[in-house]
Amino acid sequence: MNAPQALDALNCPLQGVNLIEASAGTGKTWTIAALFARLLLEERDGAPPPAIERILVVTYTKAATAELRERLRRRLAEMLALLDGKADGDDFLRALAARFPEGRRATSPASG
């Protein structure tokens, strides 16, 4: 069995399954929100990003689900503000936004 390794949310493959398992306070929710943003924005193999309704995120309790839902919404709002030039965003969001040509930003599913 291989030892667990840190997940690079900006560069890990988006296809298939990613299991995020770690102790409390280690950034699991941040990582899930980062992957969620990438899923909504990035094309893969020439295919457009999936509709938000096609993305399944699973957690274990109602409280965790509510927290995750709020964090995902907040993260998407931060990304939209960055793409609209209304906020600077953090390092991850700036790196993600840098992947898109200016023209593509206006047509991103997350931007409208």
PDB file of N, CA and C in Angstrom:
ATOM      1  N   MET A   1       0.837  -1.179   0.000  1.00  0.00           N
ATOM      2  CA  MET A   1       0.000   0.000   0.000  1.00  0.00           C
ATOM      3  C   MET A   1       0.883   1.245   0.000  1.00  0.00           C
ATOM      4  N   ASN A   2       0.519   2.214  -0.823  1.00  0.00           N
ATOM      5  CA  ASN A   2       1.278   3.457  -0.903  1.00  0.00           C
ATOM      6  C   ASN A   2       0.913   4.382   0.250  1.00  0.00           C
ATOM      7  N   ALA A   3       1.886   5.157   0.693  1.00  0.00           N
ATOM      8  CA  ALA A   3       1.642   6.138   1.752  1.00  0.00           C
ATOM      9  C   ALA A   3       0.783   7.268   1.196  1.00  0.00           C
ATOM     10  N   PRO A   4      -0.111   7.834   2.006  1.00  0.00           N
ATOM     11  CA  PRO A   4      -0.922   8.967   1.549  1.00  0.00           C
ATOM     12  C   PRO A   4      -0.031  10.134   1.148  1.00  0.00           C
ATOM     13  N   GLN A   5      -0.498  10.899   0.185  1.00  0.00           N
ATOM     14  CA  GLN A   5       0.264  12.061  -0.248  1.00  0.00           C
ATOM     15  C   GLN A   5      -0.656  13.273  -0.327  1.00  0.00           C
ATOM     16  N   ALA A   6      -0.059  14.434  -0.252  1.00  0.00           N
ATOM     17  CA  ALA A   6      -0.827  15.672  -0.336  1.00  0.00           C
ATOM     18  C   ALA A   6      -1.432  15.803  -1.727  1.00  0.00           C
ATOM     19  N   LEU A   7      -2.637  16.317  -1.786  1.00  0.00           N
ATOM     20  CA  LEU A   7      -3.341  16.507  -3.044  1.00  0.00           C
ATOM     21  C   LEU A   7      -3.104  17.934  -3.527  1.00  0.00           C
ATOM     22  N   ASP A   8      -2.561  18.071  -4.725  1.00  0.00           N
ATOM     23  CA  ASP A   8      -2.341  19.381  -5.337  1.00  0.00           C
ATOM     24  C   ASP A   8      -3.631  19.777  -6.051  1.00  0.00           C
ATOM     25  N   ALA A   9      -4.451  20.580  -5.403  1.00  0.00           N
ATOM     26  CA  ALA A   9      -5.777  20.908  -5.919  1.00  0.00           C
ATOM     27  C   ALA A   9      -5.741  21.651  -7.250  1.00  0.00           C
ATOM     28  N   LEU A  10      -4.656  22.325  -7.544  1.00  0.00           N
ATOM     29  CA  LEU A  10      -4.567  23.077  -8.793  1.00  0.00           C
ATOM     30  C   LEU A  10      -4.174  22.195  -9.971  1.00  0.00           C
ATOM     31  N   ASN A  11      -3.473  21.098  -9.699  1.00  0.00           N
ATOM     32  CA  ASN A  11      -2.925  20.309 -10.803  1.00  0.00           C
ATOM     33  C   ASN A  11      -3.314  18.841 -10.828  1.00  0.00           C
ATOM     34  N   CYS A  12      -4.027  18.353  -9.834  1.00  0.00           N
ATOM     35  CA  CYS A  12      -4.379  16.929  -9.839  1.00  0.00           C
ATOM     36  C   CYS A  12      -5.394  16.654 -10.944  1.00  0.00           C
ATOM     37  N   PRO A  13      -5.418  15.424 -11.468  1.00  0.00           N
ATOM     38  CA  PRO A  13      -6.404  15.091 -12.500  1.00  0.00           C
ATOM     39  C   PRO A  13      -7.824  15.244 -11.958  1.00  0.00           C
ATOM     40  N   LEU A  14      -8.726  15.726 -12.797  1.00  0.00           N
ATOM     41  CA  LEU A  14     -10.112  15.903 -12.372  1.00  0.00           C
ATOM     42  C   LEU A  14     -10.997  14.718 -12.738  1.00  0.00           C
ATOM     43  N   GLN A  15     -10.551  13.876 -13.622  1.00  0.00           N
ATOM     44  CA  GLN A  15     -11.365  12.720 -13.973  1.00  0.00           C
ATOM     45  C   GLN A  15     -11.176  11.630 -12.923  1.00  0.00           C
ATOM     46  N   GLY A  16     -12.131  10.733 -12.853  1.00  0.00           N
ATOM     47  CA  GLY A  16     -12.025   9.648 -11.887  1.00  0.00           C
ATOM     48  C   GLY A  16     -12.489  10.082 -10.513  1.00  0.00           C
ATOM     49  N   VAL A  17     -11.957   9.419  -9.509  1.00  0.00           N
ATOM     50  CA  VAL A  17     -12.365   9.643  -8.126  1.00  0.00           C
ATOM     51  C   VAL A  17     -11.181  10.158  -7.326  1.00  0.00           C
ATOM     52  N   ASN A  18     -11.415  11.170  -6.533  1.00  0.00           N
ATOM     53  CA  ASN A  18     -10.409  11.655  -5.589  1.00  0.00           C
ATOM     54  C   ASN A  18     -10.966  11.489  -4.192  1.00  0.00           C
ATOM     55  N   LEU A  19     -10.261  10.759  -3.351  1.00  0.00           N
ATOM     56  CA  LEU A  19     -10.644  10.594  -1.956  1.00  0.00           C
ATOM     57  C   LEU A  19      -9.832  11.572  -1.127  1.00  0.00           C
ATOM     58  N   ILE A  20     -10.527  12.385  -0.362  1.00  0.00           N
ATOM     59  CA  ILE A  20      -9.857  13.347   0.511  1.00  0.00           C
ATOM     60  C   ILE A  20     -10.140  12.912   1.936  1.00  0.00           C
ATOM     61  N   GLU A  21      -9.099  12.476   2.606  1.00  0.00           N
ATOM     62  CA  GLU A  21      -9.236  11.933   3.957  1.00  0.00           C
ATOM     63  C   GLU A  21      -8.095  12.471   4.807  1.00  0.00           C
ATOM     64  N   ALA A  22      -8.436  13.141   5.899  1.00  0.00           N
ATOM     65  CA  ALA A  22      -7.406  13.723   6.761  1.00  0.00           C
ATOM     66  C   ALA A  22      -8.035  14.137   8.083  1.00  0.00           C
ATOM     67  N   SER A  23      -7.192  14.531   9.004  1.00  0.00           N
ATOM     68  CA  SER A  23      -7.646  14.982  10.321  1.00  0.00           C
ATOM     69  C   SER A  23      -8.345  16.333  10.220  1.00  0.00           C
ATOM     70  N   ALA A  24      -9.046  16.680  11.279  1.00  0.00           N
ATOM     71  CA  ALA A  24      -9.736  17.969  11.344  1.00  0.00           C
ATOM     72  C   ALA A  24      -8.740  19.120  11.207  1.00  0.00           C
ATOM     73  N   GLY A  25      -9.172  20.151  10.488  1.00  0.00           N
ATOM     74  CA  GLY A  25      -8.351  21.353  10.382  1.00  0.00           C
ATOM     75  C   GLY A  25      -7.190  21.270   9.416  1.00  0.00           C
ATOM     76  N   THR A  26      -7.185  20.272   8.536  1.00  0.00           N
ATOM     77  CA  THR A  26      -6.056  20.104   7.618  1.00  0.00           C
ATOM     78  C   THR A  26      -6.322  20.651   6.221  1.00  0.00           C
ATOM     79  N   GLY A  27      -7.525  21.176   5.973  1.00  0.00           N
ATOM     80  CA  GLY A  27      -7.808  21.779   4.676  1.00  0.00           C
ATOM     81  C   GLY A  27      -8.654  20.938   3.743  1.00  0.00           C
ATOM     82  N   LYS A  28      -9.367  19.963   4.256  1.00  0.00           N
ATOM     83  CA  LYS A  28     -10.211  19.126   3.398  1.00  0.00           C
ATOM     84  C   LYS A  28     -11.273  19.953   2.678  1.00  0.00           C
ATOM     85  N   THR A  29     -11.984  20.786   3.418  1.00  0.00           N
ATOM     86  CA  THR A  29     -13.055  21.578   2.818  1.00  0.00           C
ATOM     87  C   THR A  29     -12.489  22.566   1.806  1.00  0.00           C
ATOM     88  N   TRP A  30     -11.363  23.182   2.110  1.00  0.00           N
ATOM     89  CA  TRP A  30     -10.716  24.095   1.165  1.00  0.00           C
ATOM     90  C   TRP A  30     -10.381  23.349  -0.126  1.00  0.00           C
ATOM     91  N   THR A  31      -9.838  22.148   0.003  1.00  0.00           N
ATOM     92  CA  THR A  31      -9.451  21.358  -1.165  1.00  0.00           C
ATOM     93  C   THR A  31     -10.670  20.972  -1.990  1.00  0.00           C
ATOM     94  N   ILE A  32     -11.743  20.551  -1.333  1.00  0.00           N
ATOM     95  CA  ILE A  32     -12.971  20.203  -2.053  1.00  0.00           C
ATOM     96  C   ILE A  32     -13.495  21.423  -2.805  1.00  0.00           C
ATOM     97  N   ALA A  33     -13.510  22.577  -2.168  1.00  0.00           N
ATOM     98  CA  ALA A  33     -13.978  23.797  -2.828  1.00  0.00           C
ATOM     99  C   ALA A  33     -13.088  24.159  -4.014  1.00  0.00           C
ATOM    100  N   ALA A  34     -11.792  23.943  -3.886  1.00  0.00           N
ATOM    101  CA  ALA A  34     -10.865  24.220  -4.988  1.00  0.00           C
ATOM    102  C   ALA A  34     -11.136  23.286  -6.163  1.00  0.00           C
ATOM    103  N   LEU A  35     -11.314  22.007  -5.889  1.00  0.00           N
ATOM    104  CA  LEU A  35     -11.612  21.046  -6.957  1.00  0.00           C
ATOM    105  C   LEU A  35     -12.953  21.366  -7.608  1.00  0.00           C
ATOM    106  N   PHE A  36     -13.921  21.767  -6.811  1.00  0.00           N
ATOM    107  CA  PHE A  36     -15.242  22.134  -7.310  1.00  0.00           C
ATOM    108  C   PHE A  36     -15.134  23.313  -8.281  1.00  0.00           C
ATOM    109  N   ALA A  37     -14.374  24.329  -7.903  1.00  0.00           N
ATOM    110  CA  ALA A  37     -14.178  25.488  -8.781  1.00  0.00           C
ATOM    111  C   ALA A  37     -13.522  25.065 -10.088  1.00  0.00           C
ATOM    112  N   ARG A  38     -12.506  24.217  -9.997  1.00  0.00           N
ATOM    113  CA  ARG A  38     -11.848  23.736 -11.220  1.00  0.00           C
ATOM    114  C   ARG A  38     -12.821  22.970 -12.102  1.00  0.00           C
ATOM    115  N   LEU A  39     -13.631  22.102 -11.498  1.00  0.00           N
ATOM    116  CA  LEU A  39     -14.594  21.325 -12.281  1.00  0.00           C
ATOM    117  C   LEU A  39     -15.546  22.225 -13.059  1.00  0.00           C
ATOM    118  N   LEU A  40     -15.959  23.321 -12.444  1.00  0.00           N
ATOM    119  CA  LEU A  40     -16.906  24.227 -13.095  1.00  0.00           C
ATOM    120  C   LEU A  40     -16.274  25.117 -14.152  1.00  0.00           C
ATOM    121  N   LEU A  41     -14.965  25.261 -14.122  1.00  0.00           N
ATOM    122  CA  LEU A  41     -14.309  26.211 -15.011  1.00  0.00           C
ATOM    123  C   LEU A  41     -13.469  25.584 -16.112  1.00  0.00           C
ATOM    124  N   GLU A  42     -12.901  24.433 -15.858  1.00  0.00           N
ATOM    125  CA  GLU A  42     -11.932  23.873 -16.801  1.00  0.00           C
ATOM    126  C   GLU A  42     -12.564  22.925 -17.813  1.00  0.00           C
ATOM    127  N   GLU A  43     -12.153  23.104 -19.045  1.00  0.00           N
ATOM    128  CA  GLU A  43     -12.487  22.121 -20.073  1.00  0.00           C
ATOM    129  C   GLU A  43     -11.519  20.959 -19.941  1.00  0.00           C
ATOM    130  N   ARG A  44     -11.990  19.776 -20.278  1.00  0.00           N
ATOM    131  CA  ARG A  44     -11.109  18.609 -20.281  1.00  0.00           C
ATOM    132  C   ARG A  44     -11.284  17.880 -21.598  1.00  0.00           C
ATOM    133  N   ASP A  45     -10.183  17.658 -22.278  1.00  0.00           N
ATOM    134  CA  ASP A  45     -10.198  16.958 -23.567  1.00  0.00           C
ATOM    135  C   ASP A  45     -11.174  17.607 -24.541  1.00  0.00           C
ATOM    136  N   GLY A  46     -11.243  18.930 -24.528  1.00  0.00           N
ATOM    137  CA  GLY A  46     -12.103  19.657 -25.452  1.00  0.00           C
ATOM    138  C   GLY A  46     -13.569  19.684 -25.063  1.00  0.00           C
ATOM    139  N   ALA A  47     -13.937  18.998 -23.994  1.00  0.00           N
ATOM    140  CA  ALA A  47     -15.332  18.985 -23.543  1.00  0.00           C
ATOM    141  C   ALA A  47     -15.565  20.150 -22.587  1.00  0.00           C
ATOM    142  N   PRO A  48     -16.735  20.768 -22.668  1.00  0.00           N
ATOM    143  CA  PRO A  48     -17.016  21.872 -21.748  1.00  0.00           C
ATOM    144  C   PRO A  48     -17.137  21.366 -20.312  1.00  0.00           C
ATOM    145  N   PRO A  49     -17.007  22.263 -19.353  1.00  0.00           N
ATOM    146  CA  PRO A  49     -17.173  21.859 -17.951  1.00  0.00           C
ATOM    147  C   PRO A  49     -18.575  21.301 -17.718  1.00  0.00           C
ATOM    148  N   PRO A  50     -18.724  20.431 -16.741  1.00  0.00           N
ATOM    149  CA  PRO A  50     -20.057  19.885 -16.458  1.00  0.00           C
ATOM    150  C   PRO A  50     -20.961  20.943 -15.832  1.00  0.00           C
ATOM    151  N   ALA A  51     -22.261  20.747 -15.989  1.00  0.00           N
ATOM    152  CA  ALA A  51     -23.220  21.605 -15.291  1.00  0.00           C
ATOM    153  C   ALA A  51     -23.091  21.342 -13.795  1.00  0.00           C
ATOM    154  N   ILE A  52     -23.361  22.348 -13.011  1.00  0.00           N
ATOM    155  CA  ILE A  52     -23.210  22.222 -11.562  1.00  0.00           C
ATOM    156  C   ILE A  52     -24.051  21.064 -11.008  1.00  0.00           C
ATOM    157  N   GLU A  53     -25.194  20.790 -11.629  1.00  0.00           N
ATOM    158  CA  GLU A  53     -26.073  19.715 -11.171  1.00  0.00           C
ATOM    159  C   GLU A  53     -25.462  18.329 -11.370  1.00  0.00           C
ATOM    160  N   ARG A  54     -24.406  18.229 -12.156  1.00  0.00           N
ATOM    161  CA  ARG A  54     -23.789  16.933 -12.462  1.00  0.00           C
ATOM    162  C   ARG A  54     -22.607  16.614 -11.553  1.00  0.00           C
ATOM    163  N   ILE A  55     -22.314  17.475 -10.604  1.00  0.00           N
ATOM    164  CA  ILE A  55     -21.179  17.267  -9.708  1.00  0.00           C
ATOM    165  C   ILE A  55     -21.703  16.779  -8.364  1.00  0.00           C
ATOM    166  N   LEU A  56     -21.189  15.659  -7.914  1.00  0.00           N
ATOM    167  CA  LEU A  56     -21.589  15.084  -6.631  1.00  0.00           C
ATOM    168  C   LEU A  56     -20.458  15.245  -5.632  1.00  0.00           C
ATOM    169  N   VAL A  57     -20.765  15.860  -4.516  1.00  0.00           N
ATOM    170  CA  VAL A  57     -19.823  15.994  -3.404  1.00  0.00           C
ATOM    171  C   VAL A  57     -20.491  15.335  -2.212  1.00  0.00           C
ATOM    172  N   VAL A  58     -19.789  14.420  -1.564  1.00  0.00           N
ATOM    173  CA  VAL A  58     -20.372  13.643  -0.472  1.00  0.00           C
ATOM    174  C   VAL A  58     -19.635  13.925   0.827  1.00  0.00           C
ATOM    175  N   THR A  59     -20.395  14.093   1.884  1.00  0.00           N
ATOM    176  CA  THR A  59     -19.837  14.189   3.229  1.00  0.00           C
ATOM    177  C   THR A  59     -20.750  13.398   4.158  1.00  0.00           C
ATOM    178  N   TYR A  60     -20.434  13.368   5.444  1.00  0.00           N
ATOM    179  CA  TYR A  60     -21.067  12.380   6.309  1.00  0.00           C
ATOM    180  C   TYR A  60     -22.160  12.853   7.244  1.00  0.00           C
ATOM    181  N   THR A  61     -22.262  14.111   7.532  1.00  0.00           N
ATOM    182  CA  THR A  61     -23.284  14.577   8.464  1.00  0.00           C
ATOM    183  C   THR A  61     -24.023  15.768   7.869  1.00  0.00           C
ATOM    184  N   LYS A  62     -25.214  16.044   8.396  1.00  0.00           N
ATOM    185  CA  LYS A  62     -25.977  17.206   7.929  1.00  0.00           C
ATOM    186  C   LYS A  62     -25.226  18.500   8.211  1.00  0.00           C
ATOM    187  N   ALA A  63     -24.590  18.562   9.366  1.00  0.00           N
ATOM    188  CA  ALA A  63     -23.829  19.765   9.715  1.00  0.00           C
ATOM    189  C   ALA A  63     -22.664  19.964   8.751  1.00  0.00           C
ATOM    190  N   ALA A  64     -21.955  18.894   8.447  1.00  0.00           N
ATOM    191  CA  ALA A  64     -20.828  18.989   7.510  1.00  0.00           C
ATOM    192  C   ALA A  64     -21.321  19.362   6.117  1.00  0.00           C
ATOM    193  N   THR A  65     -22.474  18.834   5.726  1.00  0.00           N
ATOM    194  CA  THR A  65     -23.049  19.159   4.424  1.00  0.00           C
ATOM    195  C   THR A  65     -23.398  20.642   4.344  1.00  0.00           C
ATOM    196  N   ALA A  66     -24.014  21.164   5.395  1.00  0.00           N
ATOM    197  CA  ALA A  66     -24.371  22.586   5.414  1.00  0.00           C
ATOM    198  C   ALA A  66     -23.122  23.460   5.346  1.00  0.00           C
ATOM    199  N   GLU A  67     -22.099  23.103   6.105  1.00  0.00           N
ATOM    200  CA  GLU A  67     -20.839  23.858   6.091  1.00  0.00           C
ATOM    201  C   GLU A  67     -20.198  23.804   4.707  1.00  0.00           C
ATOM    202  N   LEU A  68     -20.157  22.630   4.123  1.00  0.00           N
ATOM    203  CA  LEU A  68     -19.545  22.469   2.804  1.00  0.00           C
ATOM    204  C   LEU A  68     -20.318  23.257   1.753  1.00  0.00           C
ATOM    205  N   ARG A  69     -21.632  23.185   1.788  1.00  0.00           N
ATOM    206  CA  ARG A  69     -22.459  23.928   0.831  1.00  0.00           C
ATOM    207  C   ARG A  69     -22.152  25.424   0.912  1.00  0.00           C
ATOM    208  N   GLU A  70     -22.084  25.952   2.124  1.00  0.00           N
ATOM    209  CA  GLU A  70     -21.792  27.377   2.302  1.00  0.00           C
ATOM    210  C   GLU A  70     -20.390  27.725   1.808  1.00  0.00           C
ATOM    211  N   ARG A  71     -19.421  26.886   2.108  1.00  0.00           N
ATOM    212  CA  ARG A  71     -18.044  27.144   1.672  1.00  0.00           C
ATOM    213  C   ARG A  71     -17.942  27.086   0.147  1.00  0.00           C
ATOM    214  N   LEU A  72     -18.652  26.158  -0.489  1.00  0.00           N
ATOM    215  CA  LEU A  72     -18.629  26.079  -1.951  1.00  0.00           C
ATOM    216  C   LEU A  72     -19.237  27.341  -2.558  1.00  0.00           C
ATOM    217  N   ARG A  73     -20.354  27.772  -2.027  1.00  0.00           N
ATOM    218  CA  ARG A  73     -20.991  29.001  -2.535  1.00  0.00           C
ATOM    219  C   ARG A  73     -20.075  30.207  -2.375  1.00  0.00           C
ATOM    220  N   ARG A  74     -19.460  30.305  -1.207  1.00  0.00           N
ATOM    221  CA  ARG A  74     -18.549  31.428  -0.942  1.00  0.00           C
ATOM    222  C   ARG A  74     -17.363  31.396  -1.903  1.00  0.00           C
ATOM    223  N   ARG A  75     -16.816  30.209  -2.124  1.00  0.00           N
ATOM    224  CA  ARG A  75     -15.650  30.075  -3.009  1.00  0.00           C
ATOM    225  C   ARG A  75     -16.011  30.477  -4.435  1.00  0.00           C
ATOM    226  N   LEU A  76     -17.182  30.054  -4.895  1.00  0.00           N
ATOM    227  CA  LEU A  76     -17.612  30.427  -6.243  1.00  0.00           C
ATOM    228  C   LEU A  76     -17.841  31.934  -6.346  1.00  0.00           C
ATOM    229  N   ALA A  77     -18.397  32.533  -5.315  1.00  0.00           N
ATOM    230  CA  ALA A  77     -18.590  33.989  -5.309  1.00  0.00           C
ATOM    231  C   ALA A  77     -17.245  34.705  -5.372  1.00  0.00           C
ATOM    232  N   GLU A  78     -16.251  34.188  -4.651  1.00  0.00           N
ATOM    233  CA  GLU A  78     -14.907  34.774  -4.697  1.00  0.00           C
ATOM    234  C   GLU A  78     -14.320  34.663  -6.102  1.00  0.00           C
ATOM    235  N   MET A  79     -14.536  33.519  -6.745  1.00  0.00           N
ATOM    236  CA  MET A  79     -14.009  33.319  -8.096  1.00  0.00           C
ATOM    237  C   MET A  79     -14.691  34.272  -9.076  1.00  0.00           C
ATOM    238  N   LEU A  80     -16.008  34.410  -8.971  1.00  0.00           N
ATOM    239  CA  LEU A  80     -16.729  35.330  -9.852  1.00  0.00           C
ATOM    240  C   LEU A  80     -16.258  36.768  -9.659  1.00  0.00           C
ATOM    241  N   ALA A  81     -16.057  37.163  -8.411  1.00  0.00           N
ATOM    242  CA  ALA A  81     -15.578  38.522  -8.136  1.00  0.00           C
ATOM    243  C   ALA A  81     -14.207  38.741  -8.759  1.00  0.00           C
ATOM    244  N   LEU A  82     -13.352  37.745  -8.695  1.00  0.00           N
ATOM    245  CA  LEU A  82     -12.027  37.846  -9.307  1.00  0.00           C
ATOM    246  C   LEU A  82     -12.147  37.948 -10.826  1.00  0.00           C
ATOM    247  N   LEU A  83     -12.945  37.076 -11.431  1.00  0.00           N
ATOM    248  CA  LEU A  83     -13.098  37.091 -12.890  1.00  0.00           C
ATOM    249  C   LEU A  83     -13.736  38.389 -13.383  1.00  0.00           C
ATOM    250  N   ASP A  84     -14.587  38.991 -12.550  1.00  0.00           N
ATOM    251  CA  ASP A  84     -15.228  40.259 -12.910  1.00  0.00           C
ATOM    252  C   ASP A  84     -14.364  41.468 -12.582  1.00  0.00           C
ATOM    253  N   GLY A  85     -13.175  41.238 -12.018  1.00  0.00           N
ATOM    254  CA  GLY A  85     -12.282  42.332 -11.669  1.00  0.00           C
ATOM    255  C   GLY A  85     -12.694  43.094 -10.428  1.00  0.00           C
ATOM    256  N   LYS A  86     -13.552  42.509  -9.598  1.00  0.00           N
ATOM    257  CA  LYS A  86     -14.042  43.183  -8.397  1.00  0.00           C
ATOM    258  C   LYS A  86     -13.295  42.775  -7.137  1.00  0.00           C
ATOM    259  N   ALA A  87     -12.399  41.793  -7.246  1.00  0.00           N
ATOM    260  CA  ALA A  87     -11.621  41.334  -6.087  1.00  0.00           C
ATOM    261  C   ALA A  87     -10.303  40.770  -6.594  1.00  0.00           C
ATOM    262  N   ASP A  88      -9.326  40.707  -5.705  1.00  0.00           N
ATOM    263  CA  ASP A  88      -8.011  40.184  -6.077  1.00  0.00           C
ATOM    264  C   ASP A  88      -7.931  38.670  -5.975  1.00  0.00           C
ATOM    265  N   GLY A  89      -8.705  38.056  -5.095  1.00  0.00           N
ATOM    266  CA  GLY A  89      -8.641  36.612  -4.910  1.00  0.00           C
ATOM    267  C   GLY A  89      -7.375  36.187  -4.196  1.00  0.00           C
ATOM    268  N   ASP A  90      -7.332  34.930  -3.802  1.00  0.00           N
ATOM    269  CA  ASP A  90      -6.142  34.388  -3.145  1.00  0.00           C
ATOM    270  C   ASP A  90      -5.217  33.756  -4.188  1.00  0.00           C
ATOM    271  N   ASP A  91      -4.114  33.201  -3.742  1.00  0.00           N
ATOM    272  CA  ASP A  91      -3.129  32.625  -4.663  1.00  0.00           C
ATOM    273  C   ASP A  91      -3.740  31.550  -5.554  1.00  0.00           C
ATOM    274  N   PHE A  92      -4.549  30.667  -4.973  1.00  0.00           N
ATOM    275  CA  PHE A  92      -5.155  29.592  -5.760  1.00  0.00           C
ATOM    276  C   PHE A  92      -6.077  30.158  -6.831  1.00  0.00           C
ATOM    277  N   LEU A  93      -6.971  31.059  -6.452  1.00  0.00           N
ATOM    278  CA  LEU A  93      -7.913  31.614  -7.421  1.00  0.00           C
ATOM    279  C   LEU A  93      -7.202  32.391  -8.519  1.00  0.00           C
ATOM    280  N   ARG A  94      -6.157  33.133  -8.170  1.00  0.00           N
ATOM    281  CA  ARG A  94      -5.395  33.853  -9.205  1.00  0.00           C
ATOM    282  C   ARG A  94      -4.730  32.876 -10.166  1.00  0.00           C
ATOM    283  N   ALA A  95      -4.172  31.787  -9.640  1.00  0.00           N
ATOM    284  CA  ALA A  95      -3.534  30.784 -10.500  1.00  0.00           C
ATOM    285  C   ALA A  95      -4.566  30.113 -11.397  1.00  0.00           C
ATOM    286  N   LEU A  96      -5.738  29.834 -10.852  1.00  0.00           N
ATOM    287  CA  LEU A  96      -6.800  29.219 -11.648  1.00  0.00           C
ATOM    288  C   LEU A  96      -7.291  30.182 -12.723  1.00  0.00           C
ATOM    289  N   ALA A  97      -7.517  31.431 -12.363  1.00  0.00           N
ATOM    290  CA  ALA A  97      -7.992  32.429 -13.326  1.00  0.00           C
ATOM    291  C   ALA A  97      -6.973  32.663 -14.434  1.00  0.00           C
ATOM    292  N   ALA A  98      -5.693  32.548 -14.121  1.00  0.00           N
ATOM    293  CA  ALA A  98      -4.642  32.771 -15.119  1.00  0.00           C
ATOM    294  C   ALA A  98      -4.674  31.727 -16.229  1.00  0.00           C
ATOM    295  N   ARG A  99      -5.342  30.626 -16.005  1.00  0.00           N
ATOM    296  CA  ARG A  99      -5.424  29.569 -17.024  1.00  0.00           C
ATOM    297  C   ARG A  99      -6.402  29.894 -18.145  1.00  0.00           C
ATOM    298  N   PHE A 100      -7.226  30.930 -17.975  1.00  0.00           N
ATOM    299  CA  PHE A 100      -8.271  31.212 -18.943  1.00  0.00           C
ATOM    300  C   PHE A 100      -7.970  32.451 -19.757  1.00  0.00           C
ATOM    301  N   PRO A 101      -8.083  32.339 -21.082  1.00  0.00           N
ATOM    302  CA  PRO A 101      -7.967  33.541 -21.909  1.00  0.00           C
ATOM    303  C   PRO A 101      -9.100  34.499 -21.541  1.00  0.00           C
ATOM    304  N   GLU A 102      -8.867  35.770 -21.723  1.00  0.00           N
ATOM    305  CA  GLU A 102      -9.870  36.777 -21.356  1.00  0.00           C
ATOM    306  C   GLU A 102     -11.238  36.486 -21.975  1.00  0.00           C
ATOM    307  N   GLY A 103     -11.284  36.105 -23.238  1.00  0.00           N
ATOM    308  CA  GLY A 103     -12.561  35.839 -23.894  1.00  0.00           C
ATOM    309  C   GLY A 103     -13.307  34.671 -23.290  1.00  0.00           C
ATOM    310  N   ARG A 104     -12.597  33.678 -22.830  1.00  0.00           N
ATOM    311  CA  ARG A 104     -13.237  32.492 -22.258  1.00  0.00           C
ATOM    312  C   ARG A 104     -13.874  32.803 -20.918  1.00  0.00           C
ATOM    313  N   ARG A 105     -13.316  33.742 -20.176  1.00  0.00           N
ATOM    314  CA  ARG A 105     -13.853  34.077 -18.851  1.00  0.00           C
ATOM    315  C   ARG A 105     -15.309  34.509 -18.932  1.00  0.00           C
ATOM    316  N   ALA A 106     -15.649  35.271 -19.957  1.00  0.00           N
ATOM    317  CA  ALA A 106     -17.013  35.777 -20.078  1.00  0.00           C
ATOM    318  C   ALA A 106     -18.017  34.670 -20.353  1.00  0.00           C
ATOM    319  N   THR A 107     -17.570  33.551 -20.893  1.00  0.00           N
ATOM    320  CA  THR A 107     -18.490  32.473 -21.237  1.00  0.00           C
ATOM    321  C   THR A 107     -18.434  31.317 -20.257  1.00  0.00           C
ATOM    322  N   SER A 108     -17.641  31.442 -19.216  1.00  0.00           N
ATOM    323  CA  SER A 108     -17.537  30.386 -18.215  1.00  0.00           C
ATOM    324  C   SER A 108     -18.881  30.171 -17.543  1.00  0.00           C
ATOM    325  N   PRO A 109     -19.275  28.896 -17.285  1.00  0.00           N
ATOM    326  CA  PRO A 109     -20.556  28.643 -16.633  1.00  0.00           C
ATOM    327  C   PRO A 109     -20.650  29.304 -15.265  1.00  0.00           C
ATOM    328  N   ALA A 110     -19.533  29.513 -14.612  1.00  0.00           N
ATOM    329  CA  ALA A 110     -19.554  30.119 -13.281  1.00  0.00           C
ATOM    330  C   ALA A 110     -19.713  31.629 -13.354  1.00  0.00           C
ATOM    331  N   SER A 111     -19.581  32.210 -14.540  1.00  0.00           N
ATOM    332  CA  SER A 111     -19.645  33.671 -14.634  1.00  0.00           C
ATOM    333  C   SER A 111     -21.026  34.179 -15.019  1.00  0.00           C
ATOM    334  N   GLY A 112     -21.990  33.344 -15.097  1.00  0.00           N
ATOM    335  CA  GLY A 112     -23.285  33.871 -15.467  1.00  0.00           C
ATOM    336  C   GLY A 112     -24.304  32.927 -15.115  1.00  0.00           C
TER     337      GLY A 112
END
